[in-house]
Protein backbone atom coordinates (compact mmCIF):
# COMPACT_ATOMS: atom_id res chain seq x y z
CA UNK A 1 76.48 100.63 100.08
CA UNK A 2 78.47 103.82 99.48
CA UNK A 3 81.42 102.35 101.40
CA UNK A 4 81.44 99.24 99.19
CA UNK A 5 81.26 101.43 96.06
CA UNK A 6 84.25 103.45 97.25
CA UNK A 7 86.16 100.28 98.10
CA UNK A 8 85.33 98.80 94.68
CA UNK A 9 86.63 101.90 92.91
CA UNK A 10 89.76 101.90 95.07
CA UNK A 11 90.41 98.24 94.29
CA UNK A 12 89.95 98.91 90.57
CA UNK A 13 92.53 101.72 90.68
CA UNK A 14 94.95 99.59 92.72
CA UNK A 15 94.64 96.73 90.22
CA UNK A 16 95.51 99.06 87.34
CA UNK A 17 98.49 100.37 89.31
CA UNK A 18 99.65 96.79 89.90
CA UNK A 19 99.57 96.20 86.14
CA UNK A 20 102.07 99.02 85.70
CA UNK A 21 104.32 97.54 88.38
CA UNK A 22 104.06 94.03 86.89
CA UNK A 23 104.81 95.37 83.43
CA UNK A 24 107.83 97.32 84.69
CA UNK A 25 109.30 94.35 86.57
CA UNK A 26 108.34 91.88 83.82
CA UNK A 27 106.04 89.79 86.06
CA UNK A 28 104.48 87.82 83.24
CA UNK A 29 103.01 84.40 82.57
CA UNK A 30 104.34 82.54 79.53
CA UNK A 31 102.51 79.61 77.86
CA UNK A 32 103.41 76.41 79.72
CA UNK A 33 102.53 72.76 80.09
CA UNK A 34 100.16 73.50 82.97
CA UNK A 35 98.30 76.51 81.60
CA UNK A 36 95.96 76.70 78.63
CA UNK A 37 96.81 80.19 77.42
CA UNK A 38 98.71 80.82 74.20
CA UNK A 39 99.65 84.41 75.01
CA UNK A 40 102.14 86.14 77.30
CA UNK A 41 100.04 87.80 80.02
CA UNK A 42 100.66 89.78 83.19
CA UNK A 43 100.83 87.48 86.20
CA UNK A 44 99.71 88.09 89.79
CA UNK A 45 96.54 90.10 89.15
CA UNK A 46 94.94 88.03 91.89
CA UNK A 47 96.94 90.02 94.42
CA UNK A 48 93.81 92.19 94.50
CA UNK A 49 92.16 89.52 96.71
CA UNK A 50 94.85 90.03 99.33
CA UNK A 51 94.62 93.81 99.00
CA UNK A 52 90.86 93.57 99.57
CA UNK A 53 91.46 91.50 102.71
CA UNK A 54 94.06 94.04 103.84
CA UNK A 55 91.52 96.87 103.54
CA UNK A 56 89.02 94.79 105.52
CA UNK A 57 91.58 94.03 108.22
CA UNK A 58 92.52 97.69 108.67
CA UNK A 59 88.97 99.01 108.88
CA UNK A 60 86.85 96.11 110.16
CA UNK A 61 88.73 93.03 111.28
CA UNK A 62 91.76 93.88 113.38
CA UNK A 63 90.75 91.33 116.02
CA UNK A 64 91.19 88.64 113.36
CA UNK A 65 94.95 89.07 113.33
CA UNK A 66 95.63 85.32 113.43
CA UNK A 67 93.69 84.79 110.22
CA UNK A 68 95.24 87.80 108.52
CA UNK A 69 98.76 86.82 109.57
CA UNK A 70 98.19 83.37 108.07
CA UNK A 71 96.80 84.93 104.90
CA UNK A 72 99.82 87.24 104.67
CA UNK A 73 102.23 84.32 105.00
CA UNK A 74 100.68 82.24 102.21
CA UNK A 75 100.01 85.25 99.96
CA UNK A 76 103.51 86.71 100.19
CA UNK A 77 105.00 83.24 99.77
CA UNK A 78 102.87 82.66 96.66
CA UNK A 79 103.71 86.06 95.19
CA UNK A 80 107.42 85.32 95.57
CA UNK A 81 106.78 81.91 93.98
CA UNK A 82 105.13 83.69 91.02
CA UNK A 83 108.31 85.67 90.45
CA UNK A 84 110.87 83.01 91.33
CA UNK A 85 109.87 79.34 91.69
CA UNK A 86 110.25 78.06 95.26
CA UNK A 87 110.91 74.56 96.53
CA UNK A 88 108.00 72.53 97.90
CA UNK A 89 110.13 71.97 101.01
CA UNK A 90 109.77 75.67 101.74
CA UNK A 91 106.21 76.18 100.51
CA UNK A 92 104.46 73.34 102.33
CA UNK A 93 105.73 74.09 105.88
CA UNK A 94 104.82 77.77 105.50
CA UNK A 95 101.39 76.84 104.10
CA UNK A 96 100.86 74.60 107.13
CA UNK A 97 101.78 77.49 109.44
CA UNK A 98 99.33 79.78 107.63
CA UNK A 99 96.57 77.17 107.88
CA UNK A 100 97.34 76.55 111.55
CA UNK A 101 96.79 80.26 112.22
CA UNK A 102 93.50 80.16 110.27
CA UNK A 103 92.25 77.14 112.24
CA UNK A 104 93.33 78.72 115.52
CA UNK A 105 91.31 81.83 114.67
CA UNK A 106 88.22 79.72 113.96
CA UNK A 107 88.56 77.55 117.07
CA UNK A 108 89.08 80.57 119.33
CA UNK A 109 86.02 82.36 117.90
CA UNK A 110 83.22 83.46 120.22
CA UNK A 111 80.62 81.22 118.55
CA UNK A 112 82.80 78.15 118.08
CA UNK A 113 81.18 74.89 119.15
CA UNK A 114 84.61 73.66 120.27
CA UNK A 115 85.16 74.40 123.95
CA UNK A 116 88.90 74.70 124.53
CA UNK A 117 88.52 74.25 128.28
CA UNK A 118 86.40 71.10 128.22
CA UNK A 119 87.84 69.44 125.10
CA UNK A 120 90.77 67.12 125.69
CA UNK A 121 94.27 67.85 124.38
CA UNK A 122 94.16 64.99 121.89
CA UNK A 123 90.74 66.11 120.61
CA UNK A 124 92.09 69.57 119.80
CA UNK A 125 95.19 68.06 118.18
CA UNK A 126 93.04 65.73 116.06
CA UNK A 127 90.84 68.61 114.93
CA UNK A 128 93.91 70.67 113.99
CA UNK A 129 95.57 67.80 112.11
CA UNK A 130 92.42 66.97 110.13
CA UNK A 131 91.81 70.64 109.46
CA UNK A 132 95.40 71.16 108.29
CA UNK A 133 95.22 68.24 105.86
CA UNK A 134 91.80 69.17 104.44
CA UNK A 135 92.42 72.92 104.20
CA UNK A 136 95.96 72.74 102.80
CA UNK A 137 94.80 70.15 100.27
CA UNK A 138 91.81 72.30 99.28
CA UNK A 139 94.01 75.39 98.91
CA UNK A 140 96.35 73.55 96.57
CA UNK A 141 93.43 72.16 94.55
CA UNK A 142 92.33 75.77 94.03
CA UNK A 143 95.83 76.50 92.77
CA UNK A 144 95.79 73.49 90.42
CA UNK A 145 92.41 74.52 89.00
CA UNK A 146 93.64 77.98 88.02
CA UNK A 147 94.40 77.27 84.37
CA UNK A 148 92.00 79.14 82.09
CA UNK A 149 90.53 82.62 81.84
CA UNK A 150 87.73 83.33 84.28
CA UNK A 151 87.66 80.06 86.19
CA UNK A 152 89.23 81.26 89.45
CA UNK A 153 87.41 84.59 89.57
CA UNK A 154 84.09 83.20 88.36
CA UNK A 155 84.07 80.15 90.62
CA UNK A 156 85.04 82.32 93.60
CA UNK A 157 82.14 84.70 92.87
CA UNK A 158 79.69 81.80 93.11
CA UNK A 159 81.16 80.34 96.31
CA UNK A 160 81.59 83.68 98.09
CA UNK A 161 78.04 84.71 97.15
CA UNK A 162 76.63 81.44 98.49
CA UNK A 163 78.50 81.86 101.79
CA UNK A 164 77.31 85.48 102.04
CA UNK A 165 73.72 84.37 101.42
CA UNK A 166 73.96 81.82 104.23
CA UNK A 167 75.50 84.22 106.74
CA UNK A 168 72.86 86.83 105.93
CA UNK A 169 70.19 84.33 107.01
CA UNK A 170 69.43 85.02 110.68
CA UNK A 171 68.11 81.46 111.17
CA UNK A 172 71.53 79.81 110.80
CA UNK A 173 73.96 81.59 113.13
CA UNK A 174 71.89 84.57 114.17
CA UNK A 175 73.11 88.14 114.04
CA UNK A 176 76.23 88.97 116.02
CA UNK A 177 79.21 91.28 115.68
CA UNK A 178 81.31 88.30 114.60
CA UNK A 179 78.91 87.37 111.80
CA UNK A 180 78.72 91.00 110.68
CA UNK A 181 82.51 91.20 110.52
CA UNK A 182 82.74 88.06 108.37
CA UNK A 183 79.98 89.44 106.13
CA UNK A 184 81.99 92.64 105.65
CA UNK A 185 84.99 90.54 104.59
CA UNK A 186 82.84 88.67 102.06
CA UNK A 187 81.46 91.89 100.56
CA UNK A 188 84.91 93.45 100.14
CA UNK A 189 86.47 90.30 98.69
CA UNK A 190 83.49 89.92 96.34
CA UNK A 191 84.26 93.46 95.15
CA UNK A 192 87.88 92.40 94.57
CA UNK A 193 86.68 89.32 92.65
CA UNK A 194 84.51 91.50 90.40
CA UNK A 195 87.48 93.77 89.70
CA UNK A 196 89.65 90.76 88.87
CA UNK A 197 86.96 89.24 86.63
CA UNK A 198 86.74 92.50 84.66
CA UNK A 199 90.34 91.99 83.58
CA UNK A 200 90.46 88.18 83.48
CA UNK A 201 87.01 86.89 82.51
CA UNK A 202 87.46 87.44 78.77
CA UNK A 203 88.78 85.58 75.74
CA UNK A 204 92.07 87.53 75.86
CA UNK A 205 92.81 88.15 79.54
CA UNK A 206 94.60 91.29 80.67
CA UNK A 207 96.05 89.39 83.65
CA UNK A 208 96.18 86.01 85.34
CA UNK A 209 95.58 85.38 89.05
CA UNK A 210 98.96 83.77 89.63
CA UNK A 211 99.62 81.62 92.67
CA UNK A 212 99.11 84.68 94.86
CA UNK A 213 95.55 85.00 93.55
CA UNK A 214 94.44 81.37 93.63
CA UNK A 215 96.03 80.70 97.01
CA UNK A 216 94.81 83.88 98.72
CA UNK A 217 91.22 83.54 97.49
CA UNK A 218 91.22 79.88 98.52
CA UNK A 219 92.48 80.87 101.99
CA UNK A 220 89.74 83.46 102.36
CA UNK A 221 87.03 81.08 101.16
CA UNK A 222 88.24 78.35 103.53
CA UNK A 223 88.15 80.81 106.42
CA UNK A 224 84.63 82.07 105.73
CA UNK A 225 83.24 78.62 104.93
CA UNK A 226 85.15 77.22 107.91
CA UNK A 227 83.42 79.83 110.06
CA UNK A 228 80.09 78.19 109.17
CA UNK A 229 81.44 74.66 109.63
CA UNK A 230 83.05 75.37 113.01
CA UNK A 231 79.91 77.10 114.30
CA UNK A 232 77.49 74.40 113.14
CA UNK A 233 79.67 71.31 113.52
CA UNK A 234 78.58 70.24 110.03
CA UNK A 235 81.23 69.33 107.43
CA UNK A 236 78.62 68.86 104.71
CA UNK A 237 78.90 72.59 103.99
CA UNK A 238 81.88 71.52 101.88
CA UNK A 239 79.21 71.05 99.21
CA UNK A 240 80.00 74.69 98.37
CA UNK A 241 83.36 73.45 97.02
CA UNK A 242 82.26 70.11 95.64
CA UNK A 243 82.93 70.83 91.92
CA UNK A 244 86.57 71.77 92.47
CA UNK A 245 86.89 68.99 95.04
CA UNK A 246 85.72 66.21 92.73
CA UNK A 247 87.69 67.44 89.70
CA UNK A 248 90.86 68.02 91.73
CA UNK A 249 90.77 64.74 93.69
CA UNK A 250 89.83 62.51 90.74
CA UNK A 251 92.48 64.12 88.54
CA UNK A 252 95.12 63.39 91.19
CA UNK A 253 93.85 59.79 91.44
CA UNK A 254 93.90 59.48 87.65
CA UNK A 255 97.51 60.67 87.47
CA UNK A 256 98.51 58.20 90.21
CA UNK A 257 96.91 55.41 88.15
CA UNK A 258 98.99 56.60 85.17
CA UNK A 259 102.12 56.42 87.39
CA UNK A 260 102.79 60.12 86.93
CA UNK A 261 104.53 62.48 89.34
CA UNK A 262 101.57 64.49 90.69
CA UNK A 263 103.84 67.41 91.57
CA UNK A 264 104.69 68.00 87.91
CA UNK A 265 102.68 70.37 85.63
CA UNK A 266 100.00 68.75 83.47
CA UNK A 267 96.86 69.35 81.41
CA UNK A 268 94.67 66.49 82.57
CA UNK A 269 91.93 68.33 84.48
CA UNK A 270 88.50 68.04 82.90
CA UNK A 271 88.38 71.79 82.24
CA UNK A 272 91.79 71.65 80.52
CA UNK A 273 90.67 68.92 78.13
CA UNK A 274 87.53 70.94 77.35
CA UNK A 275 89.63 74.03 76.61
CA UNK A 276 92.60 72.40 74.87
CA UNK A 277 91.43 69.23 73.12
CA UNK A 278 87.75 70.10 72.54
CA UNK A 279 88.58 73.77 71.81
CA UNK A 280 85.73 75.07 73.95
CA UNK A 281 86.29 78.81 74.62
CA UNK A 282 87.73 79.53 78.07
CA UNK A 283 84.83 81.77 79.04
CA UNK A 284 82.31 79.03 78.20
CA UNK A 285 84.22 76.41 80.23
CA UNK A 286 84.39 78.77 83.20
CA UNK A 287 80.67 79.49 82.92
CA UNK A 288 79.96 75.74 82.94
CA UNK A 289 81.95 75.29 86.16
CA UNK A 290 80.22 78.29 87.70
CA UNK A 291 76.77 77.03 86.71
CA UNK A 292 77.36 73.51 88.06
CA UNK A 293 78.67 74.83 91.39
CA UNK A 294 75.75 77.26 91.60
CA UNK A 295 73.31 74.37 91.11
CA UNK A 296 75.11 72.37 93.81
CA UNK A 297 74.91 75.32 96.22
CA UNK A 298 71.18 75.84 95.56
CA UNK A 299 70.55 72.09 95.95
CA UNK A 300 72.40 72.06 99.27
CA UNK A 301 70.69 75.19 100.58
CA UNK A 302 67.30 73.64 99.81
CA UNK A 303 68.20 70.19 101.19
CA UNK A 304 71.22 70.56 103.53
CA UNK A 305 73.05 67.55 104.92
CA UNK A 306 75.52 64.78 104.22
CA UNK A 307 73.13 62.89 101.93
CA UNK A 308 73.03 65.84 99.53
CA UNK A 309 76.82 66.15 99.58
CA UNK A 310 77.20 62.42 98.94
CA UNK A 311 74.74 62.51 96.02
CA UNK A 312 76.61 65.47 94.53
CA UNK A 313 79.95 63.68 94.82
CA UNK A 314 78.56 60.54 93.18
CA UNK A 315 76.88 62.40 90.30
CA UNK A 316 79.90 64.61 89.59
CA UNK A 317 82.25 61.60 89.80
CA UNK A 318 80.14 59.70 87.26
CA UNK A 319 80.17 62.70 84.92
CA UNK A 320 83.95 63.00 85.31
CA UNK A 321 84.55 59.30 84.60
CA UNK A 322 82.25 59.23 81.56
CA UNK A 323 83.86 62.40 80.19
CA UNK A 324 87.37 61.00 80.59
CA UNK A 325 86.45 57.67 79.02
CA UNK A 326 85.15 59.50 75.97
CA UNK A 327 87.63 62.34 75.55
CA UNK A 328 90.88 61.52 77.36
CA UNK A 329 92.12 59.72 74.24
CA UNK A 330 92.27 63.14 72.56
CA UNK A 331 94.73 64.27 75.21
CA UNK A 332 96.89 61.17 74.72
CA UNK A 333 96.97 61.80 70.97
CA UNK A 334 98.01 65.42 71.52
CA UNK A 335 101.00 64.25 73.57
CA UNK A 336 102.30 62.03 70.74
């Protein structure tokens, strides 16, 4: 407990120091078509997630160098993108490399259900391809959803806490050095998320996560949740990301139906319409997303399995569709 307190204080100090660096080098976020903020704010405060993972790697997780190398690639890439916009032709291949390293770390783990020796070559390739598509897509959805104060930090707090709760239960994976190491990562990154929320989860944010924040926290969440999936062989644990998943996927589908370029900035996510057109305070919108994901996590923990995940997807999809049918017209009027 004392170690976590010291780490929390260290992360807090490092975040404040980053603000001075960002201010000096003019690393700021201006109001744009994608975001919902009306003020110029320091960008890249989410770098604290990567710093937290760096502290963990140095003191607890040096054997997880594949994961940390992948995290470093996507985090550094995203930080550069925050300062100077990069081409998707550069970003996507490097994101794939980062994700490939993450998946390799999970597959090579001591408790992995995938036996490299007995599994066929094509089986391993299929697992890697599916994993790359799902994880890279999920990481980018996290990035898309980072548009209002508190949503990235708050949502991450819920998901990380749920994963920590599961790994602390001896009945799921048992107690091992590998589980304890992942738990230590979760505790440190949760500390980083609390630090970030202190500066971001407010009506007038001191900083934004930036791509470096949303991408790095997504990478860490996918690794820790993937640890559970790869050791249980159960993809229904994706219930822990179902709120972002439904909003992100249906918004992309909606934009395709509108014949829009999905790579271009927009304000068509459900949370953006709540914040912009309905004028719901950012903090309230973020709390709603946190509460819904918390309920989904509790529901899944009580009744785990694919049926629960399917029910959650159906219910959230219905809510999304009904909301858009009622309020999307406000967004169309605002564009005129």
